PDB file of N, CA and C in Angstrom:
ATOM      1  N   MET A   1     -16.675 -10.147  -5.068  1.00  0.00           N
ATOM      2  CA  MET A   1     -15.450 -10.922  -4.788  1.00  0.00           C
ATOM      3  C   MET A   1     -15.630 -11.576  -6.140  1.00  0.00           C
ATOM      4  N   THR A   2     -16.428 -12.119  -6.646  1.00  0.00           N
ATOM      5  CA  THR A   2     -16.466 -13.124  -7.883  1.00  0.00           C
ATOM      6  C   THR A   2     -16.133 -12.419  -8.883  1.00  0.00           C
ATOM      7  N   GLN A   3     -16.076 -11.101  -8.857  1.00  0.00           N
ATOM      8  CA  GLN A   3     -15.243 -10.237 -10.189  1.00  0.00           C
ATOM      9  C   GLN A   3     -13.799 -10.663 -10.228  1.00  0.00           C
ATOM     10  N   ILE A   4     -13.313 -10.295  -8.319  1.00  0.00           N
ATOM     11  CA  ILE A   4     -12.203 -10.158  -9.037  1.00  0.00           C
ATOM     12  C   ILE A   4     -11.433 -11.541  -8.908  1.00  0.00           C
ATOM     13  N   SER A   5     -12.160 -12.564  -8.387  1.00  0.00           N
ATOM     14  CA  SER A   5     -11.811 -14.066  -8.616  1.00  0.00           C
ATOM     15  C   SER A   5     -11.747 -14.161 -10.249  1.00  0.00           C
ATOM     16  N   ASN A   6     -12.359 -14.003 -10.833  1.00  0.00           N
ATOM     17  CA  ASN A   6     -12.421 -14.146 -12.432  1.00  0.00           C
ATOM     18  C   ASN A   6     -11.379 -13.124 -12.930  1.00  0.00           C
ATOM     19  N   LEU A   7     -11.342 -12.186 -12.683  1.00  0.00           N
ATOM     20  CA  LEU A   7     -10.215 -11.082 -13.171  1.00  0.00           C
ATOM     21  C   LEU A   7      -8.846 -12.093 -12.738  1.00  0.00           C
ATOM     22  N   PHE A   8      -8.563 -12.299 -11.749  1.00  0.00           N
ATOM     23  CA  PHE A   8      -7.089 -13.103 -11.491  1.00  0.00           C
ATOM     24  C   PHE A   8      -7.203 -14.412 -11.875  1.00  0.00           C
ATOM     25  N   GLY A   9      -8.438 -15.161 -11.770  1.00  0.00           N
ATOM     26  CA  GLY A   9      -8.227 -16.451 -12.296  1.00  0.00           C
ATOM     27  C   GLY A   9      -7.711 -17.540 -11.058  1.00  0.00           C
ATOM     28  N   LEU A  10      -8.423 -16.870 -10.111  1.00  0.00           N
ATOM     29  CA  LEU A  10      -8.526 -17.474  -8.779  1.00  0.00           C
ATOM     30  C   LEU A  10      -9.844 -18.222  -8.195  1.00  0.00           C
ATOM     31  N   ARG A  11      -9.599 -19.099  -7.302  1.00  0.00           N
ATOM     32  CA  ARG A  11     -11.031 -19.669  -6.815  1.00  0.00           C
ATOM     33  C   ARG A  11     -11.185 -18.683  -5.590  1.00  0.00           C
ATOM     34  N   GLY A  12     -12.353 -18.690  -4.897  1.00  0.00           N
ATOM     35  CA  GLY A  12     -13.076 -17.919  -4.031  1.00  0.00           C
ATOM     36  C   GLY A  12     -12.232 -17.824  -2.733  1.00  0.00           C
ATOM     37  N   ALA A  13     -11.738 -18.930  -2.116  1.00  0.00           N
ATOM     38  CA  ALA A  13     -10.647 -18.895  -1.136  1.00  0.00           C
ATOM     39  C   ALA A  13      -9.217 -18.152  -1.182  1.00  0.00           C
ATOM     40  N   GLN A  14      -8.782 -18.678  -2.379  1.00  0.00           N
ATOM     41  CA  GLN A  14      -7.553 -17.929  -2.828  1.00  0.00           C
ATOM     42  C   GLN A  14      -7.665 -16.432  -2.701  1.00  0.00           C
ATOM     43  N   THR A  15      -8.505 -15.987  -3.521  1.00  0.00           N
ATOM     44  CA  THR A  15      -8.991 -14.399  -3.383  1.00  0.00           C
ATOM     45  C   THR A  15      -9.468 -13.938  -2.338  1.00  0.00           C
ATOM     46  N   GLN A  16     -10.149 -14.776  -1.471  1.00  0.00           N
ATOM     47  CA  GLN A  16     -10.219 -14.223   0.175  1.00  0.00           C
ATOM     48  C   GLN A  16      -9.048 -13.869   0.899  1.00  0.00           C
ATOM     49  N   ARG A  17      -8.155 -15.158   1.079  1.00  0.00           N
ATOM     50  CA  ARG A  17      -6.677 -14.803   1.313  1.00  0.00           C
ATOM     51  C   ARG A  17      -5.749 -13.904   0.581  1.00  0.00           C
ATOM     52  N   LEU A  18      -5.822 -13.451  -0.668  1.00  0.00           N
ATOM     53  CA  LEU A  18      -4.954 -12.515  -1.030  1.00  0.00           C
ATOM     54  C   LEU A  18      -5.482 -11.185  -0.895  1.00  0.00           C
ATOM     55  N   LEU A  19      -6.983 -10.978  -0.669  1.00  0.00           N
ATOM     56  CA  LEU A  19      -7.510  -9.429  -0.429  1.00  0.00           C
ATOM     57  C   LEU A  19      -7.355  -9.287   1.261  1.00  0.00           C
ATOM     58  N   ALA A  20      -7.047 -10.530   1.823  1.00  0.00           N
ATOM     59  CA  ALA A  20      -6.970 -10.407   3.491  1.00  0.00           C
ATOM     60  C   ALA A  20      -5.291  -9.822   3.518  1.00  0.00           C
ATOM     61  N   LEU A  21      -4.591 -10.319   2.741  1.00  0.00           N
ATOM     62  CA  LEU A  21      -3.203  -9.843   2.857  1.00  0.00           C
ATOM     63  C   LEU A  21      -3.058  -8.690   2.310  1.00  0.00           C
ATOM     64  N   MET A  22      -3.713  -8.278   1.221  1.00  0.00           N
ATOM     65  CA  MET A  22      -3.257  -7.004   0.496  1.00  0.00           C
ATOM     66  C   MET A  22      -4.236  -5.803   1.290  1.00  0.00           C
ATOM     67  N   MET A  23      -5.222  -5.988   2.566  1.00  0.00           N
ATOM     68  CA  MET A  23      -5.655  -5.414   3.442  1.00  0.00           C
ATOM     69  C   MET A  23      -4.963  -5.193   4.428  1.00  0.00           C
ATOM     70  N   SER A  24      -4.566  -6.287   4.562  1.00  0.00           N
ATOM     71  CA  SER A  24      -2.834  -6.059   6.231  1.00  0.00           C
ATOM     72  C   SER A  24      -1.978  -5.272   5.946  1.00  0.00           C
ATOM     73  N   GLN A  25      -1.586  -5.096   4.504  1.00  0.00           N
ATOM     74  CA  GLN A  25      -0.270  -4.723   3.975  1.00  0.00           C
ATOM     75  C   GLN A  25      -0.901  -2.811   3.437  1.00  0.00           C
ATOM     76  N   GLY A  26      -2.095  -2.864   3.846  1.00  0.00           N
ATOM     77  CA  GLY A  26      -2.621  -1.404   3.433  1.00  0.00           C
ATOM     78  C   GLY A  26      -2.619  -1.017   1.801  1.00  0.00           C
ATOM     79  N   ARG A  27      -2.708  -2.121   1.009  1.00  0.00           N
ATOM     80  CA  ARG A  27      -2.886  -1.993  -0.227  1.00  0.00           C
ATOM     81  C   ARG A  27      -4.405  -1.961  -0.946  1.00  0.00           C
ATOM     82  N   VAL A  28      -5.198  -2.310  -0.118  1.00  0.00           N
ATOM     83  CA  VAL A  28      -6.721  -2.578  -0.595  1.00  0.00           C
ATOM     84  C   VAL A  28      -7.530  -1.407   0.386  1.00  0.00           C
ATOM     85  N   GLU A  29      -8.457  -0.838   0.309  1.00  0.00           N
ATOM     86  CA  GLU A  29      -9.479  -0.209   0.855  1.00  0.00           C
ATOM     87  C   GLU A  29     -11.040  -0.827   0.449  1.00  0.00           C
ATOM     88  N   THR A  30     -11.417  -1.308   2.051  1.00  0.00           N
ATOM     89  CA  THR A  30     -13.102  -1.545   1.634  1.00  0.00           C
ATOM     90  C   THR A  30     -14.034  -0.683   2.417  1.00  0.00           C
ATOM     91  N   LYS A  31     -15.409  -0.556   1.483  1.00  0.00           N
ATOM     92  CA  LYS A  31     -16.260   0.267   2.000  1.00  0.00           C
ATOM     93  C   LYS A  31     -17.650  -0.881   1.705  1.00  0.00           C
ATOM     94  N   LYS A  32     -18.172  -0.896   3.020  1.00  0.00           N
ATOM     95  CA  LYS A  32     -19.454  -1.941   3.268  1.00  0.00           C
ATOM     96  C   LYS A  32     -20.775  -0.974   2.691  1.00  0.00           C
ATOM     97  N   PHE A  33     -21.635  -1.770   2.097  1.00  0.00           N
ATOM     98  CA  PHE A  33     -22.826  -1.168   1.679  1.00  0.00           C
ATOM     99  C   PHE A  33     -23.880  -1.904   2.049  1.00  0.00           C
ATOM    100  N   ALA A  34     -25.289  -1.679   2.335  1.00  0.00           N
ATOM    101  CA  ALA A  34     -26.388  -2.306   2.314  1.00  0.00           C
ATOM    102  C   ALA A  34     -27.298  -2.325   1.734  1.00  0.00           C
ATOM    103  N   ILE A  35     -27.539  -3.341   0.423  1.00  0.00           N
ATOM    104  CA  ILE A  35     -28.870  -3.138  -0.486  1.00  0.00           C
ATOM    105  C   ILE A  35     -29.931  -3.798  -0.180  1.00  0.00           C
ATOM    106  N   LEU A  36     -31.052  -3.124  -0.228  1.00  0.00           N
ATOM    107  CA  LEU A  36     -32.505  -3.753   0.119  1.00  0.00           C
ATOM    108  C   LEU A  36     -32.618  -4.567  -1.238  1.00  0.00           C
ATOM    109  N   VAL A  37     -32.934  -5.706  -0.765  1.00  0.00           N
ATOM    110  CA  VAL A  37     -32.883  -7.189  -1.911  1.00  0.00           C
ATOM    111  C   VAL A  37     -34.587  -7.341  -1.878  1.00  0.00           C
ATOM    112  N   ASN A  38     -35.378  -7.122  -0.882  1.00  0.00           N
ATOM    113  CA  ASN A  38     -37.025  -7.152  -0.730  1.00  0.00           C
ATOM    114  C   ASN A  38     -37.620  -6.776  -0.176  1.00  0.00           C
ATOM    115  N   LYS A  39     -38.412  -5.394  -0.681  1.00  0.00           N
ATOM    116  CA  LYS A  39     -39.365  -4.440   0.293  1.00  0.00           C
ATOM    117  C   LYS A  39     -40.200  -5.233   1.013  1.00  0.00           C
ATOM    118  N   GLU A  40     -40.644  -6.163   0.566  1.00  0.00           N
ATOM    119  CA  GLU A  40     -41.785  -6.701   1.260  1.00  0.00           C
ATOM    120  C   GLU A  40     -41.685  -7.382   2.741  1.00  0.00           C
ATOM    121  N   TYR A  41     -40.098  -8.177   2.756  1.00  0.00           N
ATOM    122  CA  TYR A  41     -39.373  -8.416   4.045  1.00  0.00           C
ATOM    123  C   TYR A  41     -38.485  -7.721   4.484  1.00  0.00           C
ATOM    124  N   SER A  42     -38.210  -6.701   4.023  1.00  0.00           N
ATOM    125  CA  SER A  42     -36.916  -5.832   4.436  1.00  0.00           C
ATOM    126  C   SER A  42     -35.767  -6.483   4.426  1.00  0.00           C
ATOM    127  N   LEU A  43     -35.474  -7.163   3.752  1.00  0.00           N
ATOM    128  CA  LEU A  43     -34.291  -8.314   3.449  1.00  0.00           C
ATOM    129  C   LEU A  43     -33.168  -7.286   3.082  1.00  0.00           C
ATOM    130  N   VAL A  44     -32.032  -7.014   3.716  1.00  0.00           N
ATOM    131  CA  VAL A  44     -30.953  -6.216   3.451  1.00  0.00           C
ATOM    132  C   VAL A  44     -29.644  -7.083   3.087  1.00  0.00           C
ATOM    133  N   ARG A  45     -29.018  -6.836   2.107  1.00  0.00           N
ATOM    134  CA  ARG A  45     -27.965  -7.689   2.009  1.00  0.00           C
ATOM    135  C   ARG A  45     -26.809  -6.787   1.967  1.00  0.00           C
ATOM    136  N   PRO A  46     -25.690  -7.188   2.723  1.00  0.00           N
ATOM    137  CA  PRO A  46     -24.441  -6.411   2.779  1.00  0.00           C
ATOM    138  C   PRO A  46     -23.485  -6.776   1.312  1.00  0.00           C
ATOM    139  N   ILE A  47     -23.102  -5.945   1.047  1.00  0.00           N
ATOM    140  CA  ILE A  47     -22.153  -5.951  -0.010  1.00  0.00           C
ATOM    141  C   ILE A  47     -20.840  -5.143   0.203  1.00  0.00           C
ATOM    142  N   VAL A  48     -19.639  -5.404   0.030  1.00  0.00           N
ATOM    143  CA  VAL A  48     -18.438  -5.139   0.103  1.00  0.00           C
ATOM    144  C   VAL A  48     -17.463  -4.638  -1.057  1.00  0.00           C
ATOM    145  N   HIS A  49     -17.171  -3.127  -1.318  1.00  0.00           N
ATOM    146  CA  HIS A  49     -16.474  -2.926  -2.515  1.00  0.00           C
ATOM    147  C   HIS A  49     -14.896  -2.774  -1.925  1.00  0.00           C
ATOM    148  N   TYR A  50     -14.079  -2.874  -2.940  1.00  0.00           N
ATOM    149  CA  TYR A  50     -12.900  -3.247  -2.850  1.00  0.00           C
ATOM    150  C   TYR A  50     -12.202  -2.045  -3.935  1.00  0.00           C
ATOM    151  N   ARG A  51     -11.000  -1.298  -3.377  1.00  0.00           N
ATOM    152  CA  ARG A  51     -10.314  -0.193  -3.695  1.00  0.00           C
ATOM    153  C   ARG A  51      -9.051  -0.531  -3.975  1.00  0.00           C
ATOM    154  N   LEU A  52      -8.188  -0.462  -4.878  1.00  0.00           N
ATOM    155  CA  LEU A  52      -6.482  -0.781  -4.762  1.00  0.00           C
ATOM    156  C   LEU A  52      -6.093   0.767  -4.300  1.00  0.00           C
ATOM    157  N   ILE A  53      -5.345   0.874  -3.548  1.00  0.00           N
ATOM    158  CA  ILE A  53      -4.577   1.949  -3.281  1.00  0.00           C
ATOM    159  C   ILE A  53      -3.408   2.025  -3.949  1.00  0.00           C
ATOM    160  N   LYS A  54      -3.306   3.328  -4.397  1.00  0.00           N
ATOM    161  CA  LYS A  54      -1.759   3.308  -5.132  1.00  0.00           C
ATOM    162  C   LYS A  54      -0.676   3.831  -4.044  1.00  0.00           C
ATOM    163  N   LYS A  55       0.388   3.141  -3.879  1.00  0.00           N
ATOM    164  CA  LYS A  55       1.469   3.942  -3.079  1.00  0.00           C
ATOM    165  C   LYS A  55       2.128   4.775  -3.653  1.00  0.00           C
ATOM    166  N   LYS A  56       2.696   5.865  -3.178  1.00  0.00           N
ATOM    167  CA  LYS A  56       3.669   6.650  -4.115  1.00  0.00           C
ATOM    168  C   LYS A  56       4.899   5.927  -3.589  1.00  0.00           C
ATOM    169  N   PRO A  57       6.069   5.666  -4.735  1.00  0.00           N
ATOM    170  CA  PRO A  57       7.204   5.562  -4.746  1.00  0.00           C
ATOM    171  C   PRO A  57       7.974   6.340  -3.662  1.00  0.00           C
ATOM    172  N   ILE A  58       9.132   5.591  -2.663  1.00  0.00           N
ATOM    173  CA  ILE A  58       9.570   6.226  -1.649  1.00  0.00           C
ATOM    174  C   ILE A  58      10.632   6.536  -2.484  1.00  0.00           C
ATOM    175  N   SER A  59      11.311   8.035  -2.403  1.00  0.00           N
ATOM    176  CA  SER A  59      12.119   8.585  -2.650  1.00  0.00           C
ATOM    177  C   SER A  59      13.483   8.816  -1.476  1.00  0.00           C
ATOM    178  N   LEU A  60      14.581   8.733  -1.810  1.00  0.00           N
ATOM    179  CA  LEU A  60      15.593   9.256  -0.759  1.00  0.00           C
ATOM    180  C   LEU A  60      15.800  10.583  -0.601  1.00  0.00           C
ATOM    181  N   PRO A  61      15.795  11.178   0.497  1.00  0.00           N
ATOM    182  CA  PRO A  61      16.015  12.648   0.561  1.00  0.00           C
ATOM    183  C   PRO A  61      17.197  13.230  -0.076  1.00  0.00           C
ATOM    184  N   LYS A  62      16.872  14.585  -0.716  1.00  0.00           N
ATOM    185  CA  LYS A  62      18.043  15.132  -1.287  1.00  0.00           C
ATOM    186  C   LYS A  62      19.353  15.367  -0.654  1.00  0.00           C
ATOM    187  N   ARG A  63      20.462  15.507  -0.969  1.00  0.00           N
ATOM    188  CA  ARG A  63      21.517  15.694  -0.402  1.00  0.00           C
ATOM    189  C   ARG A  63      21.893  16.935  -0.399  1.00  0.00           C
ATOM    190  N   ASN A  64      22.284  17.617   0.634  1.00  0.00           N
ATOM    191  CA  ASN A  64      22.825  18.917   0.455  1.00  0.00           C
ATOM    192  C   ASN A  64      24.330  19.009   0.339  1.00  0.00           C
ATOM    193  N   ALA A  65      24.445  19.857  -1.209  1.00  0.00           N
ATOM    194  CA  ALA A  65      25.954  19.949  -1.381  1.00  0.00           C
ATOM    195  C   ALA A  65      27.024  20.213  -0.638  1.00  0.00           C
ATOM    196  N   ARG A  66      26.445  21.337   0.490  1.00  0.00           N
ATOM    197  CA  ARG A  66      27.399  22.217   1.269  1.00  0.00           C
ATOM    198  C   ARG A  66      27.996  20.922   2.463  1.00  0.00           C
ATOM    199  N   LYS A  67      26.648  20.555   2.959  1.00  0.00           N
ATOM    200  CA  LYS A  67      26.969  19.540   3.713  1.00  0.00           C
ATOM    201  C   LYS A  67      28.122  18.215   3.609  1.00  0.00           C
ATOM    202  N   VAL A  68      27.834  17.545   2.377  1.00  0.00           N
ATOM    203  CA  VAL A  68      28.721  16.848   1.498  1.00  0.00           C
ATOM    204  C   VAL A  68      30.155  17.296   1.992  1.00  0.00           C
ATOM    205  N   SER A  69      30.242  18.639   1.071  1.00  0.00           N
ATOM    206  CA  SER A  69      31.642  19.147   1.023  1.00  0.00           C
ATOM    207  C   SER A  69      32.374  19.254   2.353  1.00  0.00           C
ATOM    208  N   ALA A  70      31.294  19.612   3.086  1.00  0.00           N
ATOM    209  CA  ALA A  70      31.941  20.093   4.451  1.00  0.00           C
ATOM    210  C   ALA A  70      32.486  18.616   5.295  1.00  0.00           C
ATOM    211  N   VAL A  71      32.114  17.682   5.096  1.00  0.00           N
ATOM    212  CA  VAL A  71      32.075  16.405   5.628  1.00  0.00           C
ATOM    213  C   VAL A  71      33.344  15.857   4.834  1.00  0.00           C
ATOM    214  N   ASN A  72      33.495  16.176   3.456  1.00  0.00           N
ATOM    215  CA  ASN A  72      34.828  15.648   2.560  1.00  0.00           C
ATOM    216  C   ASN A  72      35.751  16.388   3.097  1.00  0.00           C
ATOM    217  N   LYS A  73      35.896  17.769   3.705  1.00  0.00           N
ATOM    218  CA  LYS A  73      36.773  18.294   4.062  1.00  0.00           C
ATOM    219  C   LYS A  73      37.568  18.134   5.596  1.00  0.00           C
ATOM    220  N   SER A  74      36.450  17.710   6.277  1.00  0.00           N
ATOM    221  CA  SER A  74      36.924  17.214   7.743  1.00  0.00           C
ATOM    222  C   SER A  74      37.602  15.930   7.889  1.00  0.00           C
ATOM    223  N   TRP A  75      37.329  15.185   6.645  1.00  0.00           N
ATOM    224  CA  TRP A  75      38.007  13.937   6.250  1.00  0.00           C
ATOM    225  C   TRP A  75      39.216  14.255   5.954  1.00  0.00           C
ATOM    226  N   LYS A  76      39.575  15.100   5.164  1.00  0.00           N
ATOM    227  CA  LYS A  76      40.420  15.525   4.647  1.00  0.00           C
ATOM    228  C   LYS A  76      41.799  15.674   5.644  1.00  0.00           C
ATOM    229  N   CYS A  77      41.269  16.844   6.480  1.00  0.00           N
ATOM    230  CA  CYS A  77      41.975  17.583   7.531  1.00  0.00           C
ATOM    231  C   CYS A  77      42.606  16.265   8.707  1.00  0.00           C
ATOM    232  N   LEU A  78      41.812  15.056   8.784  1.00  0.00           N
ATOM    233  CA  LEU A  78      42.088  14.249   9.765  1.00  0.00           C
ATOM    234  C   LEU A  78      43.164  13.455   9.352  1.00  0.00           C
ATOM    235  N   GLU A  79      43.032  12.999   7.818  1.00  0.00           N
ATOM    236  CA  GLU A  79      44.385  12.214   7.036  1.00  0.00           C
ATOM    237  C   GLU A  79      45.426  13.063   6.813  1.00  0.00           C
ATOM    238  N   HIS A  80      45.619  14.572   6.951  1.00  0.00           N
ATOM    239  CA  HIS A  80      46.704  15.138   6.772  1.00  0.00           C
ATOM    240  C   HIS A  80      47.324  15.108   8.195  1.00  0.00           C
ATOM    241  N   ASN A  81      46.584  15.292   9.425  1.00  0.00           N
ATOM    242  CA  ASN A  81      46.711  15.071  10.754  1.00  0.00           C
ATOM    243  C   ASN A  81      47.536  13.742  11.113  1.00  0.00           C
ATOM    244  N   SER A  82      47.046  12.973  10.642  1.00  0.00           N
ATOM    245  CA  SER A  82      47.513  11.698  11.034  1.00  0.00           C
ATOM    246  C   SER A  82      48.950  10.916  10.596  1.00  0.00           C
ATOM    247  N   MET A  83      49.291  11.608   9.333  1.00  0.00           N
ATOM    248  CA  MET A  83      50.647  11.718   8.740  1.00  0.00           C
ATOM    249  C   MET A  83      51.668  12.249   9.387  1.00  0.00           C
TER     250      MET A  83
END
């Protein structure tokens, strides 16, 4: 987390809040690892790795030309009948 703090130029608590917000939005993925620090005493230190998830841009569905023209024709029919 210190590397991320230095990268963004934020303090530790601010970085923690930012990461929590990004995780809740699904923009960050975490993976936890255990690293053996001292073999003699079997001390294990947990480490969290963060990965940014790139979201695909949302595109609108393509419109079918036939459906659009059929809708336009039906509106024209209604306009002629109302006169």
